[in-house]
PDB file of all heavy atoms in Angstrom:
ATOM      1  N   GLY A   1       0.786  -1.259  -0.009  1.00  0.00           N
ATOM      2  CA  GLY A   1       0.002  -0.019  -0.020  1.00  0.00           C
ATOM      3  C   GLY A   1       0.777   1.250   0.002  1.00  0.00           C
ATOM      4  O   GLY A   1       0.200   2.422   0.123  1.00  0.00           O
ATOM      5  N   TYR A   2       2.140   1.181  -0.087  1.00  0.00           N
ATOM      6  CA  TYR A   2       2.971   2.321  -0.044  1.00  0.00           C
ATOM      7  C   TYR A   2       3.084   2.954  -1.514  1.00  0.00           C
ATOM      8  O   TYR A   2       3.155   2.243  -2.491  1.00  0.00           O
ATOM      9  CB  TYR A   2       4.428   2.032   0.423  1.00  0.00           C
ATOM     10  CG  TYR A   2       4.529   1.749   1.815  1.00  0.00           C
ATOM     11  CD1 TYR A   2       4.699   0.460   2.294  1.00  0.00           C
ATOM     12  CD2 TYR A   2       4.495   2.776   2.750  1.00  0.00           C
ATOM     13  CE1 TYR A   2       4.838   0.127   3.618  1.00  0.00           C
ATOM     14  CE2 TYR A   2       4.660   2.489   4.103  1.00  0.00           C
ATOM     15  CZ  TYR A   2       4.776   1.176   4.513  1.00  0.00           C
ATOM     16  OH  TYR A   2       4.984   0.900   5.844  1.00  0.00           O
ATOM     17  N   LEU A   3       2.930   4.295  -1.483  1.00  0.00           N
ATOM     18  CA  LEU A   3       2.957   5.030  -2.806  1.00  0.00           C
ATOM     19  C   LEU A   3       4.425   4.995  -3.282  1.00  0.00           C
ATOM     20  O   LEU A   3       5.347   5.404  -2.465  1.00  0.00           O
ATOM     21  CB  LEU A   3       2.462   6.424  -2.667  1.00  0.00           C
ATOM     22  CG  LEU A   3       2.298   7.193  -4.022  1.00  0.00           C
ATOM     23  CD1 LEU A   3       1.237   6.550  -4.866  1.00  0.00           C
ATOM     24  CD2 LEU A   3       1.933   8.628  -3.649  1.00  0.00           C
ATOM     25  N   GLN A   4       4.762   4.674  -4.537  1.00  0.00           N
ATOM     26  CA  GLN A   4       6.141   4.630  -4.962  1.00  0.00           C
ATOM     27  C   GLN A   4       6.231   4.968  -6.464  1.00  0.00           C
ATOM     28  O   GLN A   4       5.204   4.910  -7.180  1.00  0.00           O
ATOM     29  CB  GLN A   4       6.737   3.267  -4.758  1.00  0.00           C
ATOM     30  CG  GLN A   4       6.035   2.139  -5.483  1.00  0.00           C
ATOM     31  CD  GLN A   4       6.665   0.771  -5.196  1.00  0.00           C
ATOM     32  OE1 GLN A   4       7.196   0.551  -4.159  1.00  0.00           O
ATOM     33  NE2 GLN A   4       6.477  -0.197  -6.086  1.00  0.00           N
ATOM     34  N   ASP A   5       7.393   5.437  -6.884  1.00  0.00           N
ATOM     35  CA  ASP A   5       7.632   5.733  -8.285  1.00  0.00           C
ATOM     36  C   ASP A   5       7.911   4.512  -9.033  1.00  0.00           C
ATOM     37  O   ASP A   5       8.660   3.567  -8.616  1.00  0.00           O
ATOM     38  CB  ASP A   5       8.874   6.661  -8.457  1.00  0.00           C
ATOM     39  CG  ASP A   5       8.634   8.035  -7.828  1.00  0.00           C
ATOM     40  OD1 ASP A   5       7.442   8.292  -7.390  1.00  0.00           O
ATOM     41  OD2 ASP A   5       9.580   8.728  -7.590  1.00  0.00           O
ATOM     42  N   ILE A   6       7.445   4.341 -10.236  1.00  0.00           N
ATOM     43  CA  ILE A   6       7.782   3.341 -11.184  1.00  0.00           C
ATOM     44  C   ILE A   6       8.529   4.003 -12.344  1.00  0.00           C
ATOM     45  O   ILE A   6       7.921   4.874 -13.009  1.00  0.00           O
ATOM     46  CB  ILE A   6       6.450   2.599 -11.706  1.00  0.00           C
ATOM     47  CG1 ILE A   6       5.728   2.069 -10.543  1.00  0.00           C
ATOM     48  CG2 ILE A   6       6.899   1.439 -12.629  1.00  0.00           C
ATOM     49  CD1 ILE A   6       6.426   1.050  -9.663  1.00  0.00           C
ATOM     50  N   GLN A   7       9.728   3.652 -12.586  1.00  0.00           N
ATOM     51  CA  GLN A   7      10.565   4.262 -13.538  1.00  0.00           C
ATOM     52  C   GLN A   7      10.892   3.386 -14.736  1.00  0.00           C
ATOM     53  O   GLN A   7      11.278   2.243 -14.599  1.00  0.00           O
ATOM     54  CB  GLN A   7      11.873   4.769 -12.864  1.00  0.00           C
ATOM     55  CG  GLN A   7      11.538   5.662 -11.686  1.00  0.00           C
ATOM     56  CD  GLN A   7      12.800   6.149 -10.996  1.00  0.00           C
ATOM     57  OE1 GLN A   7      13.946   5.732 -11.287  1.00  0.00           O
ATOM     58  NE2 GLN A   7      12.650   7.140 -10.067  1.00  0.00           N
ATOM     59  N   THR A   8      10.603   3.939 -15.952  1.00  0.00           N
ATOM     60  CA  THR A   8      10.914   3.183 -17.178  1.00  0.00           C
ATOM     61  C   THR A   8      11.651   4.103 -18.132  1.00  0.00           C
ATOM     62  O   THR A   8      11.685   5.346 -17.835  1.00  0.00           O
ATOM     63  CB  THR A   8       9.585   2.608 -17.805  1.00  0.00           C
ATOM     64  OG1 THR A   8       8.731   3.830 -18.081  1.00  0.00           O
ATOM     65  CG2 THR A   8       8.903   1.717 -16.905  1.00  0.00           C
ATOM     66  N   GLN A   9      12.158   3.523 -19.203  1.00  0.00           N
ATOM     67  CA  GLN A   9      12.937   4.374 -20.089  1.00  0.00           C
ATOM     68  C   GLN A   9      12.143   4.575 -21.372  1.00  0.00           C
ATOM     69  O   GLN A   9      11.597   3.570 -21.903  1.00  0.00           O
ATOM     70  CB  GLN A   9      14.318   3.691 -20.478  1.00  0.00           C
ATOM     71  CG  GLN A   9      15.052   3.258 -19.232  1.00  0.00           C
ATOM     72  CD  GLN A   9      15.143   4.194 -18.063  1.00  0.00           C
ATOM     73  OE1 GLN A   9      15.315   5.392 -18.226  1.00  0.00           O
ATOM     74  NE2 GLN A   9      14.898   3.740 -16.869  1.00  0.00           N
ATOM     75  N   CYS A  10      12.137   5.769 -21.870  1.00  0.00           N
ATOM     76  CA  CYS A  10      11.176   6.200 -22.932  1.00  0.00           C
ATOM     77  C   CYS A  10      12.037   6.969 -23.987  1.00  0.00           C
ATOM     78  O   CYS A  10      13.061   7.464 -23.752  1.00  0.00           O
ATOM     79  CB  CYS A  10      10.037   7.033 -22.415  1.00  0.00           C
ATOM     80  SG  CYS A  10       9.120   6.163 -21.007  1.00  0.00           S
ATOM     81  N   LEU A  11      11.352   7.106 -25.126  1.00  0.00           N
ATOM     82  CA  LEU A  11      11.952   7.819 -26.322  1.00  0.00           C
ATOM     83  C   LEU A  11      11.089   8.950 -26.883  1.00  0.00           C
ATOM     84  O   LEU A  11       9.856   8.831 -26.753  1.00  0.00           O
ATOM     85  CB  LEU A  11      12.311   6.845 -27.471  1.00  0.00           C
ATOM     86  CG  LEU A  11      13.098   5.618 -27.108  1.00  0.00           C
ATOM     87  CD1 LEU A  11      13.210   4.708 -28.372  1.00  0.00           C
ATOM     88  CD2 LEU A  11      14.510   6.015 -26.685  1.00  0.00           C
ATOM     89  N   ALA A  12      11.754   9.937 -27.406  1.00  0.00           N
ATOM     90  CA  ALA A  12      11.060  10.997 -28.156  1.00  0.00           C
ATOM     91  C   ALA A  12      11.962  11.252 -29.266  1.00  0.00           C
ATOM     92  O   ALA A  12      13.184  11.308 -29.213  1.00  0.00           O
ATOM     93  CB  ALA A  12      10.770  12.130 -27.339  1.00  0.00           C
ATOM     94  N   ILE A  13      11.313  11.526 -30.553  1.00  0.00           N
ATOM     95  CA  ILE A  13      12.178  11.746 -31.705  1.00  0.00           C
ATOM     96  C   ILE A  13      11.653  13.027 -32.393  1.00  0.00           C
ATOM     97  O   ILE A  13      10.504  13.311 -32.484  1.00  0.00           O
ATOM     98  CB  ILE A  13      12.063  10.578 -32.723  1.00  0.00           C
ATOM     99  CG1 ILE A  13      12.429   9.259 -32.055  1.00  0.00           C
ATOM    100  CG2 ILE A  13      12.882  10.795 -33.966  1.00  0.00           C
ATOM    101  CD1 ILE A  13      12.146   8.076 -32.807  1.00  0.00           C
ATOM    102  N   GLY A  14      12.687  13.925 -32.787  1.00  0.00           N
ATOM    103  CA  GLY A  14      12.246  15.150 -33.405  1.00  0.00           C
ATOM    104  C   GLY A  14      13.355  15.800 -34.342  1.00  0.00           C
ATOM    105  O   GLY A  14      14.253  15.170 -34.689  1.00  0.00           O
ATOM    106  N   ASP A  15      13.127  17.112 -34.524  1.00  0.00           N
ATOM    107  CA  ASP A  15      13.904  17.787 -35.417  1.00  0.00           C
ATOM    108  C   ASP A  15      14.839  18.939 -34.790  1.00  0.00           C
ATOM    109  O   ASP A  15      15.350  19.806 -35.506  1.00  0.00           O
ATOM    110  CB  ASP A  15      12.956  18.532 -36.533  1.00  0.00           C
ATOM    111  CG  ASP A  15      12.060  19.499 -35.882  1.00  0.00           C
ATOM    112  OD1 ASP A  15      12.057  19.693 -34.625  1.00  0.00           O
ATOM    113  OD2 ASP A  15      11.180  20.088 -36.660  1.00  0.00           O
ATOM    114  N   GLY A  16      15.050  18.792 -33.536  1.00  0.00           N
ATOM    115  CA  GLY A  16      15.711  19.819 -32.880  1.00  0.00           C
ATOM    116  C   GLY A  16      14.934  20.881 -32.156  1.00  0.00           C
ATOM    117  O   GLY A  16      15.501  21.749 -31.395  1.00  0.00           O
ATOM    118  N   VAL A  17      13.636  20.853 -32.401  1.00  0.00           N
ATOM    119  CA  VAL A  17      12.687  21.801 -31.737  1.00  0.00           C
ATOM    120  C   VAL A  17      11.469  21.074 -31.309  1.00  0.00           C
ATOM    121  O   VAL A  17      11.131  21.232 -30.082  1.00  0.00           O
ATOM    122  CB  VAL A  17      12.353  22.952 -32.700  1.00  0.00           C
ATOM    123  CG1 VAL A  17      11.256  23.856 -32.003  1.00  0.00           C
ATOM    124  CG2 VAL A  17      13.511  23.765 -33.067  1.00  0.00           C
ATOM    125  N   ASP A  18      10.867  20.351 -32.134  1.00  0.00           N
ATOM    126  CA  ASP A  18       9.599  19.603 -31.775  1.00  0.00           C
ATOM    127  C   ASP A  18       9.903  18.090 -31.763  1.00  0.00           C
ATOM    128  O   ASP A  18      10.609  17.608 -32.614  1.00  0.00           O
ATOM    129  CB  ASP A  18       8.522  19.898 -32.834  1.00  0.00           C
ATOM    130  CG  ASP A  18       8.212  21.369 -32.773  1.00  0.00           C
ATOM    131  OD1 ASP A  18       7.865  21.890 -31.756  1.00  0.00           O
ATOM    132  OD2 ASP A  18       8.134  22.002 -33.969  1.00  0.00           O
ATOM    133  N   TYR A  19       9.268  17.458 -30.809  1.00  0.00           N
ATOM    134  CA  TYR A  19       9.612  16.021 -30.507  1.00  0.00           C
ATOM    135  C   TYR A  19       8.267  15.239 -30.339  1.00  0.00           C
ATOM    136  O   TYR A  19       7.387  15.730 -29.641  1.00  0.00           O
ATOM    137  CB  TYR A  19      10.528  15.837 -29.309  1.00  0.00           C
ATOM    138  CG  TYR A  19      11.807  16.486 -29.449  1.00  0.00           C
ATOM    139  CD1 TYR A  19      11.923  17.872 -29.118  1.00  0.00           C
ATOM    140  CD2 TYR A  19      12.908  15.877 -30.011  1.00  0.00           C
ATOM    141  CE1 TYR A  19      13.148  18.522 -29.255  1.00  0.00           C
ATOM    142  CE2 TYR A  19      14.076  16.512 -30.196  1.00  0.00           C
ATOM    143  CZ  TYR A  19      14.119  17.810 -29.803  1.00  0.00           C
ATOM    144  OH  TYR A  19      15.432  18.502 -30.034  1.00  0.00           O
ATOM    145  N   GLU A  20       8.136  14.034 -30.935  1.00  0.00           N
ATOM    146  CA  GLU A  20       7.056  13.102 -30.771  1.00  0.00           C
ATOM    147  C   GLU A  20       7.544  11.964 -29.860  1.00  0.00           C
ATOM    148  O   GLU A  20       8.541  11.310 -30.190  1.00  0.00           O
ATOM    149  CB  GLU A  20       6.599  12.644 -32.121  1.00  0.00           C
ATOM    150  CG  GLU A  20       5.887  13.674 -32.999  1.00  0.00           C
ATOM    151  CD  GLU A  20       4.500  14.007 -32.630  1.00  0.00           C
ATOM    152  OE1 GLU A  20       3.871  13.170 -31.827  1.00  0.00           O
ATOM    153  OE2 GLU A  20       3.996  15.021 -33.004  1.00  0.00           O
ATOM    154  N   LYS A  21       6.724  11.630 -28.915  1.00  0.00           N
ATOM    155  CA  LYS A  21       7.076  10.447 -28.091  1.00  0.00           C
ATOM    156  C   LYS A  21       6.741   9.197 -28.901  1.00  0.00           C
ATOM    157  O   LYS A  21       5.753   9.116 -29.562  1.00  0.00           O
ATOM    158  CB  LYS A  21       6.222  10.486 -26.760  1.00  0.00           C
ATOM    159  CG  LYS A  21       6.731  11.690 -25.889  1.00  0.00           C
ATOM    160  CD  LYS A  21       5.964  11.747 -24.542  1.00  0.00           C
ATOM    161  CE  LYS A  21       6.549  12.976 -23.749  1.00  0.00           C
ATOM    162  NZ  LYS A  21       5.799  13.156 -22.513  1.00  0.00           N
ATOM    163  N   TYR A  22       7.615   8.273 -28.715  1.00  0.00           N
ATOM    164  CA  TYR A  22       7.593   7.064 -29.484  1.00  0.00           C
ATOM    165  C   TYR A  22       6.364   6.215 -29.071  1.00  0.00           C
ATOM    166  O   TYR A  22       6.059   6.010 -27.859  1.00  0.00           O
ATOM    167  CB  TYR A  22       8.855   6.217 -29.227  1.00  0.00           C
ATOM    168  CG  TYR A  22       8.942   4.816 -29.855  1.00  0.00           C
ATOM    169  CD1 TYR A  22       8.718   4.674 -31.216  1.00  0.00           C
ATOM    170  CD2 TYR A  22       9.204   3.747 -29.060  1.00  0.00           C
ATOM    171  CE1 TYR A  22       8.822   3.349 -31.778  1.00  0.00           C
ATOM    172  CE2 TYR A  22       9.314   2.464 -29.578  1.00  0.00           C
ATOM    173  CZ  TYR A  22       9.054   2.304 -30.915  1.00  0.00           C
ATOM    174  OH  TYR A  22       9.093   1.060 -31.551  1.00  0.00           O
ATOM    175  N   PRO A  23       5.503   5.753 -30.029  1.00  0.00           N
ATOM    176  CA  PRO A  23       4.316   5.031 -29.732  1.00  0.00           C
ATOM    177  C   PRO A  23       4.625   3.696 -28.967  1.00  0.00           C
ATOM    178  O   PRO A  23       3.601   3.264 -28.200  1.00  0.00           O
ATOM    179  CB  PRO A  23       3.668   4.698 -31.023  1.00  0.00           C
ATOM    180  CG  PRO A  23       4.330   5.732 -32.050  1.00  0.00           C
ATOM    181  CD  PRO A  23       5.632   6.004 -31.453  1.00  0.00           C
ATOM    182  N   GLY A  24       5.822   3.226 -29.080  1.00  0.00           N
ATOM    183  CA  GLY A  24       6.121   1.935 -28.331  1.00  0.00           C
ATOM    184  C   GLY A  24       6.732   2.143 -26.944  1.00  0.00           C
ATOM    185  O   GLY A  24       7.175   1.197 -26.337  1.00  0.00           O
ATOM    186  N   ASN A  25       6.565   3.383 -26.417  1.00  0.00           N
ATOM    187  CA  ASN A  25       7.074   3.600 -25.107  1.00  0.00           C
ATOM    188  C   ASN A  25       6.284   2.795 -24.038  1.00  0.00           C
ATOM    189  O   ASN A  25       5.114   2.554 -24.269  1.00  0.00           O
ATOM    190  CB  ASN A  25       6.966   5.098 -24.769  1.00  0.00           C
ATOM    191  CG  ASN A  25       8.141   5.970 -25.388  1.00  0.00           C
ATOM    192  OD1 ASN A  25       9.116   5.428 -25.710  1.00  0.00           O
ATOM    193  ND2 ASN A  25       7.922   7.283 -25.413  1.00  0.00           N
ATOM    194  N   PRO A  26       6.895   2.416 -22.930  1.00  0.00           N
ATOM    195  CA  PRO A  26       8.374   2.545 -22.639  1.00  0.00           C
ATOM    196  C   PRO A  26       9.185   1.384 -23.320  1.00  0.00           C
ATOM    197  O   PRO A  26       8.588   0.327 -23.521  1.00  0.00           O
ATOM    198  CB  PRO A  26       8.432   2.448 -21.117  1.00  0.00           C
ATOM    199  CG  PRO A  26       7.208   1.565 -20.733  1.00  0.00           C
ATOM    200  CD  PRO A  26       6.240   1.947 -21.777  1.00  0.00           C
ATOM    201  N   VAL A  27      10.373   1.663 -23.593  1.00  0.00           N
ATOM    202  CA  VAL A  27      11.310   0.717 -24.363  1.00  0.00           C
ATOM    203  C   VAL A  27      12.139  -0.149 -23.380  1.00  0.00           C
ATOM    204  O   VAL A  27      12.618  -1.193 -23.754  1.00  0.00           O
ATOM    205  CB  VAL A  27      12.145   1.423 -25.390  1.00  0.00           C
ATOM    206  CG1 VAL A  27      11.351   2.060 -26.449  1.00  0.00           C
ATOM    207  CG2 VAL A  27      13.121   2.441 -24.690  1.00  0.00           C
ATOM    208  N   LEU A  28      12.217   0.297 -22.103  1.00  0.00           N
ATOM    209  CA  LEU A  28      12.892  -0.498 -21.060  1.00  0.00           C
ATOM    210  C   LEU A  28      11.996  -0.451 -19.841  1.00  0.00           C
ATOM    211  O   LEU A  28      11.721   0.668 -19.358  1.00  0.00           O
ATOM    212  CB  LEU A  28      14.282  -0.083 -20.790  1.00  0.00           C
ATOM    213  CG  LEU A  28      15.356  -0.365 -21.827  1.00  0.00           C
ATOM    214  CD1 LEU A  28      16.654   0.402 -21.580  1.00  0.00           C
ATOM    215  CD2 LEU A  28      15.701  -1.855 -21.909  1.00  0.00           C
ATOM    216  N   THR A  29      11.658  -1.644 -19.288  1.00  0.00           N
ATOM    217  CA  THR A  29      10.797  -1.684 -18.080  1.00  0.00           C
ATOM    218  C   THR A  29      11.498  -2.666 -17.053  1.00  0.00           C
ATOM    219  O   THR A  29      12.593  -3.092 -17.283  1.00  0.00           O
ATOM    220  CB  THR A  29       9.439  -2.258 -18.512  1.00  0.00           C
ATOM    221  OG1 THR A  29       9.586  -3.668 -18.752  1.00  0.00           O
ATOM    222  CG2 THR A  29       8.772  -1.411 -19.593  1.00  0.00           C
ATOM    223  N   VAL A  30      10.778  -2.981 -16.020  1.00  0.00           N
ATOM    224  CA  VAL A  30      11.297  -3.841 -15.015  1.00  0.00           C
ATOM    225  C   VAL A  30      11.639  -5.230 -15.586  1.00  0.00           C
ATOM    226  O   VAL A  30      12.576  -5.917 -15.100  1.00  0.00           O
ATOM    227  CB  VAL A  30      10.224  -4.052 -13.838  1.00  0.00           C
ATOM    228  CG1 VAL A  30       8.940  -4.616 -14.408  1.00  0.00           C
ATOM    229  CG2 VAL A  30      10.756  -4.791 -12.726  1.00  0.00           C
ATOM    230  N   ASP A  31      11.010  -5.616 -16.704  1.00  0.00           N
ATOM    231  CA  ASP A  31      11.278  -6.894 -17.326  1.00  0.00           C
ATOM    232  C   ASP A  31      12.701  -6.916 -17.950  1.00  0.00           C
ATOM    233  O   ASP A  31      13.172  -8.064 -18.241  1.00  0.00           O
ATOM    234  CB  ASP A  31      10.224  -7.165 -18.374  1.00  0.00           C
ATOM    235  CG  ASP A  31       8.812  -7.378 -17.790  1.00  0.00           C
ATOM    236  OD1 ASP A  31       8.722  -7.792 -16.615  1.00  0.00           O
ATOM    237  OD2 ASP A  31       7.889  -7.104 -18.534  1.00  0.00           O
ATOM    238  N   ASP A  32      13.303  -5.767 -18.122  1.00  0.00           N
ATOM    239  CA  ASP A  32      14.579  -5.706 -18.729  1.00  0.00           C
ATOM    240  C   ASP A  32      15.707  -5.544 -17.770  1.00  0.00           C
ATOM    241  O   ASP A  32      16.859  -5.289 -18.135  1.00  0.00           O
ATOM    242  CB  ASP A  32      14.614  -4.544 -19.745  1.00  0.00           C
ATOM    243  CG  ASP A  32      13.573  -4.621 -20.883  1.00  0.00           C
ATOM    244  OD1 ASP A  32      13.643  -5.565 -21.679  1.00  0.00           O
ATOM    245  OD2 ASP A  32      12.583  -3.882 -20.869  1.00  0.00           O
ATOM    246  N   LEU A  33      15.450  -5.568 -16.489  1.00  0.00           N
ATOM    247  CA  LEU A  33      16.375  -5.407 -15.471  1.00  0.00           C
ATOM    248  C   LEU A  33      17.122  -6.763 -15.150  1.00  0.00           C
ATOM    249  O   LEU A  33      16.474  -7.825 -15.328  1.00  0.00           O
ATOM    250  CB  LEU A  33      15.772  -4.949 -14.198  1.00  0.00           C
ATOM    251  CG  LEU A  33      15.312  -3.466 -14.116  1.00  0.00           C
ATOM    252  CD1 LEU A  33      14.415  -3.152 -12.943  1.00  0.00           C
ATOM    253  CD2 LEU A  33      16.498  -2.571 -14.051  1.00  0.00           C
ATOM    254  N   PRO A  34      18.328  -6.707 -14.800  1.00  0.00           N
ATOM    255  CA  PRO A  34      19.013  -7.949 -14.286  1.00  0.00           C
ATOM    256  C   PRO A  34      18.325  -8.350 -12.991  1.00  0.00           C
ATOM    257  O   PRO A  34      17.668  -7.660 -12.314  1.00  0.00           O
ATOM    258  CB  PRO A  34      20.450  -7.545 -14.117  1.00  0.00           C
ATOM    259  CG  PRO A  34      20.382  -6.078 -13.894  1.00  0.00           C
ATOM    260  CD  PRO A  34      19.277  -5.597 -14.709  1.00  0.00           C
ATOM    261  N   GLN A  35      18.562  -9.611 -12.600  1.00  0.00           N
ATOM    262  CA  GLN A  35      18.095 -10.141 -11.424  1.00  0.00           C
ATOM    263  C   GLN A  35      18.464  -9.295 -10.152  1.00  0.00           C
ATOM    264  O   GLN A  35      19.612  -8.886 -10.007  1.00  0.00           O
ATOM    265  CB  GLN A  35      18.480 -11.607 -11.074  1.00  0.00           C
ATOM    266  CG  GLN A  35      17.847 -12.267  -9.873  1.00  0.00           C
ATOM    267  CD  GLN A  35      18.242 -13.694  -9.726  1.00  0.00           C
ATOM    268  OE1 GLN A  35      18.975 -14.290 -10.605  1.00  0.00           O
ATOM    269  NE2 GLN A  35      17.792 -14.303  -8.718  1.00  0.00           N
ATOM    270  N   GLY A  36      17.427  -8.921  -9.403  1.00  0.00           N
ATOM    271  CA  GLY A  36      17.728  -8.055  -8.190  1.00  0.00           C
ATOM    272  C   GLY A  36      17.696  -6.561  -8.484  1.00  0.00           C
ATOM    273  O   GLY A  36      17.893  -5.744  -7.555  1.00  0.00           O
ATOM    274  N   GLY A  37      17.621  -6.152  -9.719  1.00  0.00           N
ATOM    275  CA  GLY A  37      17.480  -4.813 -10.104  1.00  0.00           C
ATOM    276  C   GLY A  37      16.259  -4.064  -9.585  1.00  0.00           C
ATOM    277  O   GLY A  37      15.174  -4.743  -9.465  1.00  0.00           O
ATOM    278  N   SER A  38      16.248  -2.800  -9.299  1.00  0.00           N
ATOM    279  CA  SER A  38      15.118  -2.127  -8.753  1.00  0.00           C
ATOM    280  C   SER A  38      14.331  -1.371  -9.836  1.00  0.00           C
ATOM    281  O   SER A  38      14.923  -0.575 -10.579  1.00  0.00           O
ATOM    282  CB  SER A  38      15.636  -1.086  -7.727  1.00  0.00           C
ATOM    283  OG  SER A  38      14.589  -0.156  -7.342  1.00  0.00           O
ATOM    284  N   ALA A  39      13.071  -1.500  -9.898  1.00  0.00           N
ATOM    285  CA  ALA A  39      12.174  -0.751 -10.749  1.00  0.00           C
ATOM    286  C   ALA A  39      11.875   0.649 -10.238  1.00  0.00           C
ATOM    287  O   ALA A  39      11.406   1.477 -10.980  1.00  0.00           O
ATOM    288  CB  ALA A  39      10.909  -1.501 -10.973  1.00  0.00           C
ATOM    289  N   ILE A  40      12.120   0.864  -8.934  1.00  0.00           N
ATOM    290  CA  ILE A  40      11.922   2.084  -8.326  1.00  0.00           C
ATOM    291  C   ILE A  40      13.034   3.109  -8.603  1.00  0.00           C
ATOM    292  O   ILE A  40      12.853   4.294  -8.834  1.00  0.00           O
ATOM    293  CB  ILE A  40      11.702   1.895  -6.778  1.00  0.00           C
ATOM    294  CG1 ILE A  40      10.500   1.054  -6.567  1.00  0.00           C
ATOM    295  CG2 ILE A  40      11.476   3.282  -6.109  1.00  0.00           C
ATOM    296  CD1 ILE A  40      10.297   0.634  -5.188  1.00  0.00           C
ATOM    297  N   ASP A  41      14.313   2.581  -8.620  1.00  0.00           N
ATOM    298  CA  ASP A  41      15.476   3.320  -8.834  1.00  0.00           C
ATOM    299  C   ASP A  41      16.141   2.836 -10.132  1.00  0.00           C
ATOM    300  O   ASP A  41      17.008   2.046 -10.069  1.00  0.00           O
ATOM    301  CB  ASP A  41      16.446   3.264  -7.662  1.00  0.00           C
ATOM    302  CG  ASP A  41      15.932   3.933  -6.458  1.00  0.00           C
ATOM    303  OD1 ASP A  41      15.606   5.127  -6.525  1.00  0.00           O
ATOM    304  OD2 ASP A  41      15.883   3.374  -5.366  1.00  0.00           O
ATOM    305  N   PHE A  42      15.639   3.293 -11.269  1.00  0.00           N
ATOM    306  CA  PHE A  42      16.056   2.812 -12.544  1.00  0.00           C
ATOM    307  C   PHE A  42      15.880   3.996 -13.564  1.00  0.00           C
ATOM    308  O   PHE A  42      14.829   4.320 -14.117  1.00  0.00           O
ATOM    309  CB  PHE A  42      15.140   1.654 -12.980  1.00  0.00           C
ATOM    310  CG  PHE A  42      15.463   1.077 -14.392  1.00  0.00           C
ATOM    311  CD1 PHE A  42      16.770   0.949 -14.838  1.00  0.00           C
ATOM    312  CD2 PHE A  42      14.392   0.683 -15.235  1.00  0.00           C
ATOM    313  CE1 PHE A  42      16.963   0.389 -16.113  1.00  0.00           C
ATOM    314  CE2 PHE A  42      14.666   0.127 -16.451  1.00  0.00           C
ATOM    315  CZ  PHE A  42      15.951  -0.044 -16.919  1.00  0.00           C
ATOM    316  N   ARG A  43      16.938   4.826 -13.639  1.00  0.00           N
ATOM    317  CA  ARG A  43      16.839   6.124 -14.316  1.00  0.00           C
ATOM    318  C   ARG A  43      18.114   6.700 -14.857  1.00  0.00           C
ATOM    319  O   ARG A  43      19.176   6.169 -14.608  1.00  0.00           O
ATOM    320  CB  ARG A  43      16.154   7.107 -13.246  1.00  0.00           C
ATOM    321  CG  ARG A  43      16.971   7.342 -11.954  1.00  0.00           C
ATOM    322  CD  ARG A  43      16.287   8.280 -11.038  1.00  0.00           C
ATOM    323  NE  ARG A  43      16.941   8.546  -9.811  1.00  0.00           N
ATOM    324  CZ  ARG A  43      16.684   7.818  -8.684  1.00  0.00           C
ATOM    325  NH1 ARG A  43      15.831   6.814  -8.759  1.00  0.00           N
ATOM    326  NH2 ARG A  43      17.242   8.064  -7.597  1.00  0.00           N
ATOM    327  N   ASP A  44      17.833   7.707 -15.595  1.00  0.00           N
ATOM    328  CA  ASP A  44      18.931   8.656 -16.112  1.00  0.00           C
ATOM    329  C   ASP A  44      19.746   8.026 -17.198  1.00  0.00           C
ATOM    330  O   ASP A  44      21.007   7.924 -17.046  1.00  0.00           O
ATOM    331  CB  ASP A  44      19.828   9.123 -15.010  1.00  0.00           C
ATOM    332  CG  ASP A  44      18.991   9.725 -13.819  1.00  0.00           C
ATOM    333  OD1 ASP A  44      17.865  10.130 -14.029  1.00  0.00           O
ATOM    334  OD2 ASP A  44      19.487   9.752 -12.736  1.00  0.00           O
TER     335      ASP A  44
END
């Protein structure tokens, strides 16, 4: 019941000014972590 952040990796593609977020986002999730990796601290 604790509120927590869920962090995933996402993409946006553009021309240097305007960017569209990739329809297939997120491209990396908890399923792509090695064993024992944290979905709460998975960033940058």
